[in-house]
Amino acid sequence: MAPPLNLLIRALVAFEDVIIRQILRSPGFHRGVGRIHRYIDEKRNGPLPHEPLRQGQASANPDEQGFARYFIEELKNQFRGTPTNPPPPPPGPPKR
């Protein structure tokens, strides 16, 4: 009974080695690991100073609210009838 089980375990180990070898050869696996590493490193240490900014990174204001919050606030203001940015008062009569 032990030899067939032993052969099955050896076959599974050999198959596992083949799969691991194929995964480690694939460039997609290494790109994925690199992205995860870069993401974690930026979360821990901040962005690297010599790296170029990614799309949307330079124009993003970190103090700004999200779009959903801004949209809901605008809807509330419209429902109340109060404008978010009221127009400036009209100029007074000219001085003589």
PDB file of N, CA and C in Angstrom:
ATOM      1  N   MET A   1       0.817  -1.196   0.000  1.00  0.00           N
ATOM      2  CA  MET A   1       0.000   0.000   0.000  1.00  0.00           C
ATOM      3  C   MET A   1       0.863   1.263   0.000  1.00  0.00           C
ATOM      4  N   ALA A   2       1.999   1.223   0.620  1.00  0.00           N
ATOM      5  CA  ALA A   2       2.850   2.403   0.703  1.00  0.00           C
ATOM      6  C   ALA A   2       3.459   2.792  -0.641  1.00  0.00           C
ATOM      7  N   PRO A   3       3.901   1.858  -1.490  1.00  0.00           N
ATOM      8  CA  PRO A   3       4.522   2.281  -2.748  1.00  0.00           C
ATOM      9  C   PRO A   3       3.602   3.079  -3.672  1.00  0.00           C
ATOM     10  N   PRO A   4       2.311   2.727  -3.869  1.00  0.00           N
ATOM     11  CA  PRO A   4       1.492   3.569  -4.753  1.00  0.00           C
ATOM     12  C   PRO A   4       1.274   4.976  -4.187  1.00  0.00           C
ATOM     13  N   LEU A   5       1.100   5.054  -2.876  1.00  0.00           N
ATOM     14  CA  LEU A   5       0.928   6.373  -2.257  1.00  0.00           C
ATOM     15  C   LEU A   5       2.208   7.188  -2.384  1.00  0.00           C
ATOM     16  N   ASN A   6       3.330   6.513  -2.210  1.00  0.00           N
ATOM     17  CA  ASN A   6       4.617   7.175  -2.336  1.00  0.00           C
ATOM     18  C   ASN A   6       4.814   7.688  -3.763  1.00  0.00           C
ATOM     19  N   LEU A   7       4.433   6.906  -4.760  1.00  0.00           N
ATOM     20  CA  LEU A   7       4.559   7.338  -6.155  1.00  0.00           C
ATOM     21  C   LEU A   7       3.638   8.518  -6.455  1.00  0.00           C
ATOM     22  N   LEU A   8       2.450   8.495  -5.891  1.00  0.00           N
ATOM     23  CA  LEU A   8       1.511   9.602  -6.085  1.00  0.00           C
ATOM     24  C   LEU A   8       2.060  10.901  -5.496  1.00  0.00           C
ATOM     25  N   ILE A   9       2.624  10.814  -4.311  1.00  0.00           N
ATOM     26  CA  ILE A   9       3.192  12.009  -3.669  1.00  0.00           C
ATOM     27  C   ILE A   9       4.369  12.529  -4.480  1.00  0.00           C
ATOM     28  N   ARG A  10       5.216  11.632  -4.974  1.00  0.00           N
ATOM     29  CA  ARG A  10       6.355  12.065  -5.799  1.00  0.00           C
ATOM     30  C   ARG A  10       5.885  12.733  -7.088  1.00  0.00           C
ATOM     31  N   ALA A  11       4.829  12.185  -7.686  1.00  0.00           N
ATOM     32  CA  ALA A  11       4.297  12.777  -8.916  1.00  0.00           C
ATOM     33  C   ALA A  11       3.731  14.168  -8.641  1.00  0.00           C
ATOM     34  N   LEU A  12       3.034  14.320  -7.526  1.00  0.00           N
ATOM     35  CA  LEU A  12       2.491  15.639  -7.177  1.00  0.00           C
ATOM     36  C   LEU A  12       3.597  16.656  -6.923  1.00  0.00           C
ATOM     37  N   VAL A  13       4.655  16.237  -6.247  1.00  0.00           N
ATOM     38  CA  VAL A  13       5.783  17.137  -5.976  1.00  0.00           C
ATOM     39  C   VAL A  13       6.462  17.537  -7.286  1.00  0.00           C
ATOM     40  N   ALA A  14       6.640  16.586  -8.199  1.00  0.00           N
ATOM     41  CA  ALA A  14       7.257  16.901  -9.488  1.00  0.00           C
ATOM     42  C   ALA A  14       6.370  17.855 -10.287  1.00  0.00           C
ATOM     43  N   PHE A  15       5.063  17.620 -10.267  1.00  0.00           N
ATOM     44  CA  PHE A  15       4.133  18.506 -10.972  1.00  0.00           C
ATOM     45  C   PHE A  15       4.160  19.911 -10.369  1.00  0.00           C
ATOM     46  N   GLU A  16       4.246  19.985  -9.044  1.00  0.00           N
ATOM     47  CA  GLU A  16       4.327  21.283  -8.372  1.00  0.00           C
ATOM     48  C   GLU A  16       5.595  22.029  -8.789  1.00  0.00           C
ATOM     49  N   ASP A  17       6.708  21.305  -8.884  1.00  0.00           N
ATOM     50  CA  ASP A  17       7.960  21.932  -9.308  1.00  0.00           C
ATOM     51  C   ASP A  17       7.857  22.492 -10.723  1.00  0.00           C
ATOM     52  N   VAL A  18       7.200  21.760 -11.612  1.00  0.00           N
ATOM     53  CA  VAL A  18       7.033  22.223 -12.993  1.00  0.00           C
ATOM     54  C   VAL A  18       6.189  23.493 -13.021  1.00  0.00           C
ATOM     55  N   ILE A  19       5.106  23.514 -12.267  1.00  0.00           N
ATOM     56  CA  ILE A  19       4.233  24.697 -12.244  1.00  0.00           C
ATOM     57  C   ILE A  19       4.977  25.906 -11.687  1.00  0.00           C
ATOM     58  N   ILE A  20       5.703  25.716 -10.595  1.00  0.00           N
ATOM     59  CA  ILE A  20       6.448  26.828  -9.995  1.00  0.00           C
ATOM     60  C   ILE A  20       7.503  27.341 -10.965  1.00  0.00           C
ATOM     61  N   ARG A  21       8.185  26.437 -11.662  1.00  0.00           N
ATOM     62  CA  ARG A  21       9.204  26.844 -12.631  1.00  0.00           C
ATOM     63  C   ARG A  21       8.585  27.689 -13.749  1.00  0.00           C
ATOM     64  N   GLN A  22       7.410  27.277 -14.231  1.00  0.00           N
ATOM     65  CA  GLN A  22       6.745  28.034 -15.298  1.00  0.00           C
ATOM     66  C   GLN A  22       6.299  29.410 -14.803  1.00  0.00           C
ATOM     67  N   ILE A  23       5.788  29.477 -13.595  1.00  0.00           N
ATOM     68  CA  ILE A  23       5.350  30.770 -13.053  1.00  0.00           C
ATOM     69  C   ILE A  23       6.539  31.707 -12.896  1.00  0.00           C
ATOM     70  N   LEU A  24       7.651  31.191 -12.377  1.00  0.00           N
ATOM     71  CA  LEU A  24       8.820  32.044 -12.159  1.00  0.00           C
ATOM     72  C   LEU A  24       9.475  32.480 -13.462  1.00  0.00           C
ATOM     73  N   ARG A  25       9.249  31.767 -14.553  1.00  0.00           N
ATOM     74  CA  ARG A  25       9.790  32.174 -15.852  1.00  0.00           C
ATOM     75  C   ARG A  25       8.945  33.246 -16.528  1.00  0.00           C
ATOM     76  N   SER A  26       7.692  33.383 -16.139  1.00  0.00           N
ATOM     77  CA  SER A  26       6.796  34.296 -16.859  1.00  0.00           C
ATOM     78  C   SER A  26       7.057  35.748 -16.457  1.00  0.00           C
ATOM     79  N   PRO A  27       7.183  36.646 -17.445  1.00  0.00           N
ATOM     80  CA  PRO A  27       7.417  38.056 -17.130  1.00  0.00           C
ATOM     81  C   PRO A  27       6.205  38.714 -16.477  1.00  0.00           C
ATOM     82  N   GLY A  28       5.011  38.228 -16.749  1.00  0.00           N
ATOM     83  CA  GLY A  28       3.817  38.807 -16.135  1.00  0.00           C
ATOM     84  C   GLY A  28       3.820  38.654 -14.627  1.00  0.00           C
ATOM     85  N   PHE A  29       4.309  37.525 -14.149  1.00  0.00           N
ATOM     86  CA  PHE A  29       4.406  37.304 -12.705  1.00  0.00           C
ATOM     87  C   PHE A  29       5.349  38.322 -12.078  1.00  0.00           C
ATOM     88  N   HIS A  30       6.490  38.554 -12.716  1.00  0.00           N
ATOM     89  CA  HIS A  30       7.465  39.493 -12.163  1.00  0.00           C
ATOM     90  C   HIS A  30       6.964  40.934 -12.233  1.00  0.00           C
ATOM     91  N   ARG A  31       6.218  41.281 -13.282  1.00  0.00           N
ATOM     92  CA  ARG A  31       5.614  42.619 -13.346  1.00  0.00           C
ATOM     93  C   ARG A  31       4.620  42.811 -12.208  1.00  0.00           C
ATOM     94  N   GLY A  32       3.804  41.794 -11.964  1.00  0.00           N
ATOM     95  CA  GLY A  32       2.818  41.880 -10.881  1.00  0.00           C
ATOM     96  C   GLY A  32       3.481  42.035  -9.528  1.00  0.00           C
ATOM     97  N   VAL A  33       4.531  41.257  -9.289  1.00  0.00           N
ATOM     98  CA  VAL A  33       5.251  41.359  -8.019  1.00  0.00           C
ATOM     99  C   VAL A  33       5.903  42.734  -7.901  1.00  0.00           C
ATOM    100  N   GLY A  34       6.440  43.253  -9.011  1.00  0.00           N
ATOM    101  CA  GLY A  34       7.051  44.585  -8.980  1.00  0.00           C
ATOM    102  C   GLY A  34       6.039  45.671  -8.667  1.00  0.00           C
ATOM    103  N   ARG A  35       4.836  45.569  -9.228  1.00  0.00           N
ATOM    104  CA  ARG A  35       3.790  46.560  -8.941  1.00  0.00           C
ATOM    105  C   ARG A  35       3.382  46.514  -7.478  1.00  0.00           C
ATOM    106  N   ILE A  36       3.215  45.320  -6.954  1.00  0.00           N
ATOM    107  CA  ILE A  36       2.846  45.188  -5.543  1.00  0.00           C
ATOM    108  C   ILE A  36       3.950  45.759  -4.659  1.00  0.00           C
ATOM    109  N   HIS A  37       5.198  45.464  -5.000  1.00  0.00           N
ATOM    110  CA  HIS A  37       6.325  45.976  -4.216  1.00  0.00           C
ATOM    111  C   HIS A  37       6.375  47.498  -4.259  1.00  0.00           C
ATOM    112  N   ARG A  38       6.187  48.087  -5.449  1.00  0.00           N
ATOM    113  CA  ARG A  38       6.209  49.543  -5.574  1.00  0.00           C
ATOM    114  C   ARG A  38       5.067  50.174  -4.784  1.00  0.00           C
ATOM    115  N   TYR A  39       3.872  49.578  -4.842  1.00  0.00           N
ATOM    116  CA  TYR A  39       2.713  50.107  -4.120  1.00  0.00           C
ATOM    117  C   TYR A  39       2.966  50.104  -2.610  1.00  0.00           C
ATOM    118  N   ILE A  40       3.467  48.988  -2.084  1.00  0.00           N
ATOM    119  CA  ILE A  40       3.721  48.897  -0.644  1.00  0.00           C
ATOM    120  C   ILE A  40       4.833  49.852  -0.241  1.00  0.00           C
ATOM    121  N   ASP A  41       5.881  49.956  -1.055  1.00  0.00           N
ATOM    122  CA  ASP A  41       6.983  50.855  -0.741  1.00  0.00           C
ATOM    123  C   ASP A  41       6.528  52.311  -0.738  1.00  0.00           C
ATOM    124  N   GLU A  42       5.659  52.698  -1.682  1.00  0.00           N
ATOM    125  CA  GLU A  42       5.158  54.069  -1.701  1.00  0.00           C
ATOM    126  C   GLU A  42       4.243  54.346  -0.522  1.00  0.00           C
ATOM    127  N   LYS A  43       3.482  53.355  -0.073  1.00  0.00           N
ATOM    128  CA  LYS A  43       2.627  53.548   1.100  1.00  0.00           C
ATOM    129  C   LYS A  43       3.465  53.722   2.357  1.00  0.00           C
ATOM    130  N   ARG A  44       4.564  52.997   2.454  1.00  0.00           N
ATOM    131  CA  ARG A  44       5.424  53.098   3.639  1.00  0.00           C
ATOM    132  C   ARG A  44       6.272  54.365   3.625  1.00  0.00           C
ATOM    133  N   ASN A  45       6.936  54.647   2.494  1.00  0.00           N
ATOM    134  CA  ASN A  45       7.962  55.687   2.444  1.00  0.00           C
ATOM    135  C   ASN A  45       7.588  56.904   1.623  1.00  0.00           C
ATOM    136  N   GLY A  46       6.445  56.924   0.993  1.00  0.00           N
ATOM    137  CA  GLY A  46       6.078  58.024   0.110  1.00  0.00           C
ATOM    138  C   GLY A  46       6.655  57.793  -1.272  1.00  0.00           C
ATOM    139  N   PRO A  47       6.218  58.594  -2.253  1.00  0.00           N
ATOM    140  CA  PRO A  47       6.715  58.402  -3.621  1.00  0.00           C
ATOM    141  C   PRO A  47       8.196  58.754  -3.729  1.00  0.00           C
ATOM    142  N   LEU A  48       8.869  58.079  -4.640  1.00  0.00           N
ATOM    143  CA  LEU A  48      10.287  58.349  -4.855  1.00  0.00           C
ATOM    144  C   LEU A  48      10.448  59.712  -5.523  1.00  0.00           C
ATOM    145  N   PRO A  49      11.405  60.518  -5.072  1.00  0.00           N
ATOM    146  CA  PRO A  49      11.540  61.867  -5.636  1.00  0.00           C
ATOM    147  C   PRO A  49      12.016  61.886  -7.082  1.00  0.00           C
ATOM    148  N   HIS A  50      12.767  60.884  -7.532  1.00  0.00           N
ATOM    149  CA  HIS A  50      13.281  60.894  -8.904  1.00  0.00           C
ATOM    150  C   HIS A  50      12.334  60.226  -9.895  1.00  0.00           C
ATOM    151  N   GLU A  51      11.230  59.660  -9.435  1.00  0.00           N
ATOM    152  CA  GLU A  51      10.253  59.031 -10.328  1.00  0.00           C
ATOM    153  C   GLU A  51       9.348  60.093 -10.944  1.00  0.00           C
ATOM    154  N   PRO A  52       9.022  59.966 -12.230  1.00  0.00           N
ATOM    155  CA  PRO A  52       8.073  60.920 -12.820  1.00  0.00           C
ATOM    156  C   PRO A  52       6.675  60.703 -12.245  1.00  0.00           C
ATOM    157  N   LEU A  53       5.885  61.769 -12.235  1.00  0.00           N
ATOM    158  CA  LEU A  53       4.527  61.674 -11.711  1.00  0.00           C
ATOM    159  C   LEU A  53       3.662  60.862 -12.658  1.00  0.00           C
ATOM    160  N   ARG A  54       2.746  60.095 -12.095  1.00  0.00           N
ATOM    161  CA  ARG A  54       1.828  59.314 -12.908  1.00  0.00           C
ATOM    162  C   ARG A  54       0.662  60.183 -13.342  1.00  0.00           C
ATOM    163  N   GLN A  55      -0.129  59.672 -14.258  1.00  0.00           N
ATOM    164  CA  GLN A  55      -1.248  60.420 -14.809  1.00  0.00           C
ATOM    165  C   GLN A  55      -2.236  60.782 -13.701  1.00  0.00           C
ATOM    166  N   GLY A  56      -2.601  62.077 -13.633  1.00  0.00           N
ATOM    167  CA  GLY A  56      -3.561  62.557 -12.650  1.00  0.00           C
ATOM    168  C   GLY A  56      -2.955  62.850 -11.297  1.00  0.00           C
ATOM    169  N   GLN A  57      -1.680  62.559 -11.098  1.00  0.00           N
ATOM    170  CA  GLN A  57      -1.068  62.750  -9.793  1.00  0.00           C
ATOM    171  C   GLN A  57      -0.722  64.214  -9.548  1.00  0.00           C
ATOM    172  N   ALA A  58      -0.305  64.942 -10.569  1.00  0.00           N
ATOM    173  CA  ALA A  58       0.100  66.326 -10.379  1.00  0.00           C
ATOM    174  C   ALA A  58      -1.101  67.240 -10.212  1.00  0.00           C
ATOM    175  N   SER A  59      -2.219  66.889 -10.825  1.00  0.00           N
ATOM    176  CA  SER A  59      -3.383  67.763 -10.771  1.00  0.00           C
ATOM    177  C   SER A  59      -4.297  67.446  -9.595  1.00  0.00           C
ATOM    178  N   ALA A  60      -4.052  66.365  -8.901  1.00  0.00           N
ATOM    179  CA  ALA A  60      -4.933  65.979  -7.798  1.00  0.00           C
ATOM    180  C   ALA A  60      -4.649  66.844  -6.576  1.00  0.00           C
ATOM    181  N   ASN A  61      -5.709  67.363  -5.974  1.00  0.00           N
ATOM    182  CA  ASN A  61      -5.590  68.136  -4.753  1.00  0.00           C
ATOM    183  C   ASN A  61      -5.932  67.212  -3.590  1.00  0.00           C
ATOM    184  N   PRO A  62      -4.977  66.908  -2.707  1.00  0.00           N
ATOM    185  CA  PRO A  62      -5.268  65.958  -1.633  1.00  0.00           C
ATOM    186  C   PRO A  62      -6.286  66.477  -0.624  1.00  0.00           C
ATOM    187  N   ASP A  63      -6.470  67.801  -0.539  1.00  0.00           N
ATOM    188  CA  ASP A  63      -7.434  68.358   0.413  1.00  0.00           C
ATOM    189  C   ASP A  63      -8.848  68.366  -0.141  1.00  0.00           C
ATOM    190  N   GLU A  64      -8.986  68.067  -1.412  1.00  0.00           N
ATOM    191  CA  GLU A  64     -10.287  68.142  -2.065  1.00  0.00           C
ATOM    192  C   GLU A  64     -11.169  66.961  -1.681  1.00  0.00           C
ATOM    193  N   GLN A  65     -12.478  67.225  -1.579  1.00  0.00           N
ATOM    194  CA  GLN A  65     -13.422  66.153  -1.273  1.00  0.00           C
ATOM    195  C   GLN A  65     -13.610  65.289  -2.520  1.00  0.00           C
ATOM    196  N   GLY A  66     -14.174  64.131  -2.319  1.00  0.00           N
ATOM    197  CA  GLY A  66     -14.477  63.259  -3.437  1.00  0.00           C
ATOM    198  C   GLY A  66     -15.649  63.804  -4.237  1.00  0.00           C
ATOM    199  N   PHE A  67     -15.792  63.312  -5.458  1.00  0.00           N
ATOM    200  CA  PHE A  67     -16.845  63.810  -6.335  1.00  0.00           C
ATOM    201  C   PHE A  67     -18.225  63.513  -5.769  1.00  0.00           C
ATOM    202  N   ALA A  68     -18.416  62.324  -5.210  1.00  0.00           N
ATOM    203  CA  ALA A  68     -19.739  61.948  -4.691  1.00  0.00           C
ATOM    204  C   ALA A  68     -20.174  62.899  -3.579  1.00  0.00           C
ATOM    205  N   ARG A  69     -19.255  63.226  -2.677  1.00  0.00           N
ATOM    206  CA  ARG A  69     -19.583  64.154  -1.587  1.00  0.00           C
ATOM    207  C   ARG A  69     -19.924  65.541  -2.128  1.00  0.00           C
ATOM    208  N   TYR A  70     -19.133  66.001  -3.082  1.00  0.00           N
ATOM    209  CA  TYR A  70     -19.377  67.315  -3.680  1.00  0.00           C
ATOM    210  C   TYR A  70     -20.729  67.335  -4.390  1.00  0.00           C
ATOM    211  N   PHE A  71     -21.046  66.268  -5.122  1.00  0.00           N
ATOM    212  CA  PHE A  71     -22.300  66.187  -5.855  1.00  0.00           C
ATOM    213  C   PHE A  71     -23.489  66.199  -4.899  1.00  0.00           C
ATOM    214  N   ILE A  72     -23.410  65.433  -3.823  1.00  0.00           N
ATOM    215  CA  ILE A  72     -24.502  65.401  -2.841  1.00  0.00           C
ATOM    216  C   ILE A  72     -24.670  66.761  -2.181  1.00  0.00           C
ATOM    217  N   GLU A  73     -23.563  67.423  -1.874  1.00  0.00           N
ATOM    218  CA  GLU A  73     -23.637  68.767  -1.271  1.00  0.00           C
ATOM    219  C   GLU A  73     -24.296  69.755  -2.232  1.00  0.00           C
ATOM    220  N   GLU A  74     -23.974  69.653  -3.512  1.00  0.00           N
ATOM    221  CA  GLU A  74     -24.610  70.526  -4.503  1.00  0.00           C
ATOM    222  C   GLU A  74     -26.112  70.264  -4.584  1.00  0.00           C
ATOM    223  N   LEU A  75     -26.498  68.988  -4.566  1.00  0.00           N
ATOM    224  CA  LEU A  75     -27.930  68.667  -4.596  1.00  0.00           C
ATOM    225  C   LEU A  75     -28.650  69.219  -3.369  1.00  0.00           C
ATOM    226  N   LYS A  76     -28.028  69.119  -2.205  1.00  0.00           N
ATOM    227  CA  LYS A  76     -28.629  69.667  -0.980  1.00  0.00           C
ATOM    228  C   LYS A  76     -28.794  71.178  -1.095  1.00  0.00           C
ATOM    229  N   ASN A  77     -27.764  71.849  -1.601  1.00  0.00           N
ATOM    230  CA  ASN A  77     -27.841  73.310  -1.745  1.00  0.00           C
ATOM    231  C   ASN A  77     -28.929  73.705  -2.735  1.00  0.00           C
ATOM    232  N   GLN A  78     -29.067  72.974  -3.815  1.00  0.00           N
ATOM    233  CA  GLN A  78     -30.117  73.292  -4.783  1.00  0.00           C
ATOM    234  C   GLN A  78     -31.494  73.044  -4.190  1.00  0.00           C
ATOM    235  N   PHE A  79     -31.619  71.999  -3.387  1.00  0.00           N
ATOM    236  CA  PHE A  79     -32.909  71.702  -2.760  1.00  0.00           C
ATOM    237  C   PHE A  79     -33.287  72.804  -1.766  1.00  0.00           C
ATOM    238  N   ARG A  80     -32.295  73.326  -1.041  1.00  0.00           N
ATOM    239  CA  ARG A  80     -32.542  74.410  -0.082  1.00  0.00           C
ATOM    240  C   ARG A  80     -32.755  75.749  -0.778  1.00  0.00           C
ATOM    241  N   GLY A  81     -32.255  75.868  -1.983  1.00  0.00           N
ATOM    242  CA  GLY A  81     -32.370  77.130  -2.709  1.00  0.00           C
ATOM    243  C   GLY A  81     -31.231  78.087  -2.411  1.00  0.00           C
ATOM    244  N   THR A  82     -30.157  77.595  -1.832  1.00  0.00           N
ATOM    245  CA  THR A  82     -28.994  78.443  -1.550  1.00  0.00           C
ATOM    246  C   THR A  82     -27.875  78.066  -2.513  1.00  0.00           C
ATOM    247  N   PRO A  83     -27.370  79.022  -3.281  1.00  0.00           N
ATOM    248  CA  PRO A  83     -26.290  78.698  -4.215  1.00  0.00           C
ATOM    249  C   PRO A  83     -24.981  78.435  -3.467  1.00  0.00           C
ATOM    250  N   THR A  84     -24.164  77.604  -4.040  1.00  0.00           N
ATOM    251  CA  THR A  84     -22.875  77.301  -3.423  1.00  0.00           C
ATOM    252  C   THR A  84     -21.949  78.503  -3.503  1.00  0.00           C
ATOM    253  N   ASN A  85     -21.843  79.086  -4.671  1.00  0.00           N
ATOM    254  CA  ASN A  85     -21.020  80.280  -4.873  1.00  0.00           C
ATOM    255  C   ASN A  85     -21.945  81.417  -5.287  1.00  0.00           C
ATOM    256  N   PRO A  86     -22.417  82.213  -4.320  1.00  0.00           N
ATOM    257  CA  PRO A  86     -23.338  83.291  -4.694  1.00  0.00           C
ATOM    258  C   PRO A  86     -22.631  84.327  -5.568  1.00  0.00           C
ATOM    259  N   PRO A  87     -23.362  84.931  -6.498  1.00  0.00           N
ATOM    260  CA  PRO A  87     -22.733  85.947  -7.354  1.00  0.00           C
ATOM    261  C   PRO A  87     -22.381  87.178  -6.518  1.00  0.00           C
ATOM    262  N   PRO A  88     -21.379  87.930  -6.949  1.00  0.00           N
ATOM    263  CA  PRO A  88     -21.008  89.134  -6.190  1.00  0.00           C
ATOM    264  C   PRO A  88     -22.128  90.173  -6.279  1.00  0.00           C
ATOM    265  N   PRO A  89     -22.232  91.031  -5.276  1.00  0.00           N
ATOM    266  CA  PRO A  89     -23.286  92.056  -5.318  1.00  0.00           C
ATOM    267  C   PRO A  89     -23.039  93.029  -6.472  1.00  0.00           C
ATOM    268  N   PRO A  90     -24.101  93.584  -7.011  1.00  0.00           N
ATOM    269  CA  PRO A  90     -23.912  94.532  -8.123  1.00  0.00           C
ATOM    270  C   PRO A  90     -23.202  95.789  -7.622  1.00  0.00           C
ATOM    271  N   PRO A  91     -22.478  96.438  -8.511  1.00  0.00           N
ATOM    272  CA  PRO A  91     -21.769  97.656  -8.088  1.00  0.00           C
ATOM    273  C   PRO A  91     -22.765  98.770  -7.767  1.00  0.00           C
ATOM    274  N   GLY A  92     -22.380  99.611  -6.838  1.00  0.00           N
ATOM    275  CA  GLY A  92     -23.240 100.732  -6.437  1.00  0.00           C
ATOM    276  C   GLY A  92     -23.252 101.822  -7.494  1.00  0.00           C
ATOM    277  N   PRO A  93     -24.014 102.870  -7.234  1.00  0.00           N
ATOM    278  CA  PRO A  93     -24.039 103.981  -8.193  1.00  0.00           C
ATOM    279  C   PRO A  93     -22.674 104.665  -8.257  1.00  0.00           C
ATOM    280  N   PRO A  94     -22.366 105.259  -9.387  1.00  0.00           N
ATOM    281  CA  PRO A  94     -21.060 105.927  -9.513  1.00  0.00           C
ATOM    282  C   PRO A  94     -20.976 107.140  -8.583  1.00  0.00           C
ATOM    283  N   LYS A  95     -19.785 107.384  -8.069  1.00  0.00           N
ATOM    284  CA  LYS A  95     -19.556 108.534  -7.179  1.00  0.00           C
ATOM    285  C   LYS A  95     -19.259 109.763  -8.019  1.00  0.00           C
ATOM    286  N   ARG A  96     -19.697 110.920  -7.508  1.00  0.00           N
ATOM    287  CA  ARG A  96     -19.455 112.175  -8.233  1.00  0.00           C
ATOM    288  C   ARG A  96     -18.375 112.981  -7.624  1.00  0.00           C
TER     289      ARG A  96
END
